[in-house]
Amino acid sequence: MPEAAHSNQFTSTPDTDGAGSATSGNGIDGNVTAGSGTAGGSAPAGAASAEQPAPYGGPVSAPAAPPRRIRTLDLIKAKAEGRRWAMLTSYDQYTAALFEQAGVEALLIGDSAANNVYGHATTLPVTVDELIPLARAVASATSRALIVADLPFGSYEISDEQAVATAVRFMKEAGVHAVKLEGGARMASRIKAITTAGIPVMAHIGFTPQAEHNLGGYKVQGRGEAGTALLDDARAVAEAGAFSVVMEMVPSGLAGQVTAELPIPTVGIGAGADCDAQVLVWQDMAGLRTGRAPRFVKRYADLHSVLTEAVGSYVEDVKSGVFPEPERSFD
């Protein structure tokens, strides 16, 4: 969808002391021509009328103010007002700018870059030094979306101090607006320490990929009696100061219960339709990744086929000598 369809959901263009308003006059129809210099609707002789603008120019229009960044409080307010929002992963400037223009309110530089950028089998190998340049690219390419960065495995588990130090690096070196970490009640002290340092935290409960070996693989979390523990995790991260919580691979009924209870937004990925927001890995969503996809993934395009066809045409043109054509060469 075009940006215009989404630009006012969370943000508005600030007005400066009412300047630029073309509807503040007291004429018969309530309008005056901008720049007419009169407040009563009577334009001086020779001035352009609303029906006949000056043919050779007019007053200089002030440039439009840049859109305001979406803040964590905007997302919390959206929950209170029953407005849902979308989140996608992004790891580079082009997808970041495109996703923002399409109306995505939050972008995540996920540790899923391990799989989708660096070619690892799991998220575990990716490092802070590998994620920071990706996060910097995403933050630099956007002006409206909230930018969240994952704290990768091994960068926050040791102590509260380690967690704060890693979060500070992402804020200072990458320019992100929040960080995300995995774990519920056991990570409450980390969340509190980071938020106390002035850094917003998005929590992540349910299936937590960094703990896949401890969880015994990719399995739904919170079924049966385990639902009580997941509820406790959700309450703990909210009480610790998280501004939102991702729930991954959680039964939809339980996710709905958490969403109804918590004052902060819930972000679902395989957690049903009752969450306040949804997040997907963009390569999954756009069909760049092939093969079997998780049950919760919906492919909105077949980007793999599109790129395969485009690259195949390029290769054929190069081998046949069709490319570059004369008009693409220099004399």
Foldseek 3Di string as FASTA:
>chain_A
DFQVVALPLQWDFDDDVPPPDQQCADEPVSGEGPPQPDRHNDRDPPAAGPVGHDPPDDDDDDDGDFIAAGDLVSQLVCLVVLHFAEEEEFQALPVLLVVVRVNHAAYEPELCCVCVPVNDPASQPDALVNSQVSLLRNQVNDHYHQYEYEHHPPQPPPDLVSLQVSQVCSCVRRVHQAYEYEDFLVCLSNCLSNVVVVHAYEYEDFDDRNCQVVVVHDAGALPDPRVVVRLNRLVSNVVSHHQEYEYERYDQVSQLVSSVPGSHFYEYQNRDDNGRYYYDHVCQQCQCDDDDDPPRGDHPHNVVVVVVVVVVVVVVCVVVVVPPDPVVDDD
